[in-house]
Amino acid sequence: MVYGDVFNKHIKRMISPYHFVIRTLVFVLVCAFGYGLLVVFATPYLKMLILLIPLMYRGLTVVLVFLILGYLAEHRRYI
Protein backbone atom coordinates (compact mmCIF):
# COMPACT_ATOMS: atom_id res chain seq x y z
CA MET A 1 0.00 0.00 0.00
CA VAL A 2 1.35 3.34 -0.98
CA TYR A 3 -0.41 5.11 1.87
CA GLY A 4 -0.25 2.27 4.40
CA ASP A 5 2.20 4.13 6.60
CA VAL A 6 -0.24 7.02 6.96
CA PHE A 7 -2.95 4.62 8.09
CA ASN A 8 -0.54 2.84 10.45
CA LYS A 9 0.55 6.16 12.00
CA HIS A 10 -3.08 7.07 12.61
CA ILE A 11 -3.72 3.72 14.29
CA LYS A 12 -0.52 4.14 16.31
CA ARG A 13 -1.67 7.53 17.59
CA MET A 14 -5.06 6.11 18.54
CA ILE A 15 -3.66 3.19 20.55
CA SER A 16 -0.54 4.85 22.00
CA PRO A 17 -1.94 5.22 25.55
CA TYR A 18 -2.58 1.47 25.85
CA HIS A 19 -0.28 -1.26 27.12
CA PHE A 20 2.43 -2.66 24.84
CA VAL A 21 0.68 -6.03 24.49
CA ILE A 22 -2.57 -4.36 23.38
CA ARG A 23 -0.71 -2.11 20.90
CA THR A 24 1.14 -5.10 19.45
CA LEU A 25 -2.05 -7.15 19.18
CA VAL A 26 -3.91 -4.33 17.42
CA PHE A 27 -1.00 -3.77 15.04
CA VAL A 28 -0.85 -7.46 14.12
CA LEU A 29 -4.62 -7.63 13.67
CA VAL A 30 -4.70 -4.54 11.47
CA CYS A 31 -1.74 -5.61 9.33
CA ALA A 32 -2.57 -9.30 9.01
CA PHE A 33 -6.35 -9.32 8.97
CA GLY A 34 -7.26 -5.73 8.13
CA TYR A 35 -5.18 -5.44 4.98
CA GLY A 36 -5.94 -9.06 4.06
CA LEU A 37 -9.69 -8.53 4.35
CA LEU A 38 -9.39 -5.31 2.37
CA VAL A 39 -7.75 -7.23 -0.48
CA VAL A 40 -10.25 -10.09 -0.33
CA PHE A 41 -13.32 -7.85 -0.28
CA ALA A 42 -12.02 -5.23 -2.72
CA THR A 43 -11.03 -7.75 -5.41
CA PRO A 44 -14.56 -8.45 -6.74
CA TYR A 45 -15.29 -4.73 -6.98
CA LEU A 46 -12.00 -4.11 -8.75
CA LYS A 47 -12.83 -6.92 -11.16
CA MET A 48 -16.24 -5.38 -11.89
CA LEU A 49 -14.59 -2.00 -12.42
CA ILE A 50 -12.07 -3.48 -14.85
CA LEU A 51 -14.83 -5.30 -16.73
CA LEU A 52 -16.64 -1.98 -17.23
CA ILE A 53 -13.70 -0.74 -19.30
CA PRO A 54 -14.04 -1.63 -22.98
CA LEU A 55 -11.72 -4.46 -24.02
CA MET A 56 -9.88 -2.21 -26.46
CA TYR A 57 -8.79 0.15 -23.64
CA ARG A 58 -8.24 -2.40 -20.87
CA GLY A 59 -4.52 -2.93 -21.46
CA LEU A 60 -3.87 0.79 -21.71
CA THR A 61 -5.84 1.36 -18.51
CA VAL A 62 -3.82 -1.25 -16.60
CA VAL A 63 -0.55 0.32 -17.79
CA LEU A 64 -1.79 3.79 -16.81
CA VAL A 65 -2.84 2.59 -13.35
CA PHE A 66 0.62 1.08 -12.80
CA LEU A 67 2.24 4.31 -13.95
CA ILE A 68 0.06 6.30 -11.54
CA LEU A 69 0.90 3.92 -8.68
CA GLY A 70 4.59 4.22 -9.57
CA TYR A 71 4.35 8.00 -9.58
CA LEU A 72 2.60 7.99 -6.19
CA ALA A 73 5.23 5.62 -4.79
CA GLU A 74 8.03 7.81 -6.15
CA HIS A 75 6.34 10.90 -4.76
CA ARG A 76 6.13 9.23 -1.33
CA ARG A 77 9.79 8.15 -1.74
CA TYR A 78 9.11 4.40 -1.71
CA ILE A 79 11.18 3.82 -4.83
C-alpha atoms as a PDB file:
ATOM      1  CA  MET A   1       0.000   0.000   0.000  1.00  0.00           C
ATOM      2  CA  VAL A   2       1.350   3.343  -0.981  1.00  0.00           C
ATOM      3  CA  TYR A   3      -0.412   5.112   1.867  1.00  0.00           C
ATOM      4  CA  GLY A   4      -0.252   2.265   4.397  1.00  0.00           C
ATOM      5  CA  ASP A   5       2.205   4.125   6.598  1.00  0.00           C
ATOM      6  CA  VAL A   6      -0.244   7.023   6.963  1.00  0.00           C
ATOM      7  CA  PHE A   7      -2.949   4.619   8.090  1.00  0.00           C
ATOM      8  CA  ASN A   8      -0.536   2.837  10.452  1.00  0.00           C
ATOM      9  CA  LYS A   9       0.551   6.155  11.997  1.00  0.00           C
ATOM     10  CA  HIS A  10      -3.077   7.073  12.607  1.00  0.00           C
ATOM     11  CA  ILE A  11      -3.722   3.716  14.295  1.00  0.00           C
ATOM     12  CA  LYS A  12      -0.516   4.137  16.309  1.00  0.00           C
ATOM     13  CA  ARG A  13      -1.670   7.529  17.594  1.00  0.00           C
ATOM     14  CA  MET A  14      -5.060   6.111  18.542  1.00  0.00           C
ATOM     15  CA  ILE A  15      -3.656   3.192  20.551  1.00  0.00           C
ATOM     16  CA  SER A  16      -0.537   4.851  22.005  1.00  0.00           C
ATOM     17  CA  PRO A  17      -1.941   5.224  25.552  1.00  0.00           C
ATOM     18  CA  TYR A  18      -2.577   1.472  25.854  1.00  0.00           C
ATOM     19  CA  HIS A  19      -0.277  -1.256  27.124  1.00  0.00           C
ATOM     20  CA  PHE A  20       2.432  -2.662  24.845  1.00  0.00           C
ATOM     21  CA  VAL A  21       0.682  -6.027  24.489  1.00  0.00           C
ATOM     22  CA  ILE A  22      -2.566  -4.356  23.381  1.00  0.00           C
ATOM     23  CA  ARG A  23      -0.711  -2.112  20.903  1.00  0.00           C
ATOM     24  CA  THR A  24       1.138  -5.096  19.447  1.00  0.00           C
ATOM     25  CA  LEU A  25      -2.048  -7.147  19.176  1.00  0.00           C
ATOM     26  CA  VAL A  26      -3.909  -4.325  17.424  1.00  0.00           C
ATOM     27  CA  PHE A  27      -1.003  -3.770  15.035  1.00  0.00           C
ATOM     28  CA  VAL A  28      -0.848  -7.462  14.117  1.00  0.00           C
ATOM     29  CA  LEU A  29      -4.617  -7.631  13.667  1.00  0.00           C
ATOM     30  CA  VAL A  30      -4.697  -4.542  11.468  1.00  0.00           C
ATOM     31  CA  CYS A  31      -1.741  -5.610   9.326  1.00  0.00           C
ATOM     32  CA  ALA A  32      -2.575  -9.298   9.011  1.00  0.00           C
ATOM     33  CA  PHE A  33      -6.346  -9.324   8.965  1.00  0.00           C
ATOM     34  CA  GLY A  34      -7.265  -5.735   8.129  1.00  0.00           C
ATOM     35  CA  TYR A  35      -5.184  -5.444   4.981  1.00  0.00           C
ATOM     36  CA  GLY A  36      -5.940  -9.057   4.062  1.00  0.00           C
ATOM     37  CA  LEU A  37      -9.687  -8.525   4.347  1.00  0.00           C
ATOM     38  CA  LEU A  38      -9.385  -5.314   2.367  1.00  0.00           C
ATOM     39  CA  VAL A  39      -7.746  -7.226  -0.478  1.00  0.00           C
ATOM     40  CA  VAL A  40     -10.253 -10.085  -0.326  1.00  0.00           C
ATOM     41  CA  PHE A  41     -13.320  -7.852  -0.284  1.00  0.00           C
ATOM     42  CA  ALA A  42     -12.025  -5.227  -2.724  1.00  0.00           C
ATOM     43  CA  THR A  43     -11.026  -7.748  -5.407  1.00  0.00           C
ATOM     44  CA  PRO A  44     -14.560  -8.446  -6.743  1.00  0.00           C
ATOM     45  CA  TYR A  45     -15.291  -4.727  -6.976  1.00  0.00           C
ATOM     46  CA  LEU A  46     -12.005  -4.107  -8.746  1.00  0.00           C
ATOM     47  CA  LYS A  47     -12.831  -6.924 -11.164  1.00  0.00           C
ATOM     48  CA  MET A  48     -16.238  -5.376 -11.892  1.00  0.00           C
ATOM     49  CA  LEU A  49     -14.585  -2.000 -12.419  1.00  0.00           C
ATOM     50  CA  ILE A  50     -12.072  -3.481 -14.849  1.00  0.00           C
ATOM     51  CA  LEU A  51     -14.831  -5.302 -16.733  1.00  0.00           C
ATOM     52  CA  LEU A  52     -16.643  -1.980 -17.231  1.00  0.00           C
ATOM     53  CA  ILE A  53     -13.698  -0.743 -19.296  1.00  0.00           C
ATOM     54  CA  PRO A  54     -14.043  -1.633 -22.981  1.00  0.00           C
ATOM     55  CA  LEU A  55     -11.718  -4.457 -24.016  1.00  0.00           C
ATOM     56  CA  MET A  56      -9.879  -2.205 -26.460  1.00  0.00           C
ATOM     57  CA  TYR A  57      -8.786   0.153 -23.635  1.00  0.00           C
ATOM     58  CA  ARG A  58      -8.244  -2.396 -20.872  1.00  0.00           C
ATOM     59  CA  GLY A  59      -4.517  -2.929 -21.465  1.00  0.00           C
ATOM     60  CA  LEU A  60      -3.865   0.788 -21.706  1.00  0.00           C
ATOM     61  CA  THR A  61      -5.839   1.356 -18.506  1.00  0.00           C
ATOM     62  CA  VAL A  62      -3.818  -1.254 -16.599  1.00  0.00           C
ATOM     63  CA  VAL A  63      -0.554   0.319 -17.793  1.00  0.00           C
ATOM     64  CA  LEU A  64      -1.785   3.791 -16.809  1.00  0.00           C
ATOM     65  CA  VAL A  65      -2.836   2.588 -13.354  1.00  0.00           C
ATOM     66  CA  PHE A  66       0.618   1.079 -12.796  1.00  0.00           C
ATOM     67  CA  LEU A  67       2.244   4.307 -13.946  1.00  0.00           C
ATOM     68  CA  ILE A  68       0.062   6.305 -11.539  1.00  0.00           C
ATOM     69  CA  LEU A  69       0.903   3.924  -8.683  1.00  0.00           C
ATOM     70  CA  GLY A  70       4.593   4.222  -9.572  1.00  0.00           C
ATOM     71  CA  TYR A  71       4.346   8.005  -9.580  1.00  0.00           C
ATOM     72  CA  LEU A  72       2.605   7.995  -6.192  1.00  0.00           C
ATOM     73  CA  ALA A  73       5.227   5.618  -4.791  1.00  0.00           C
ATOM     74  CA  GLU A  74       8.025   7.809  -6.153  1.00  0.00           C
ATOM     75  CA  HIS A  75       6.342  10.903  -4.758  1.00  0.00           C
ATOM     76  CA  ARG A  76       6.127   9.227  -1.325  1.00  0.00           C
ATOM     77  CA  ARG A  77       9.786   8.152  -1.741  1.00  0.00           C
ATOM     78  CA  TYR A  78       9.114   4.404  -1.707  1.00  0.00           C
ATOM     79  CA  ILE A  79      11.183   3.822  -4.828  1.00  0.00           C
END
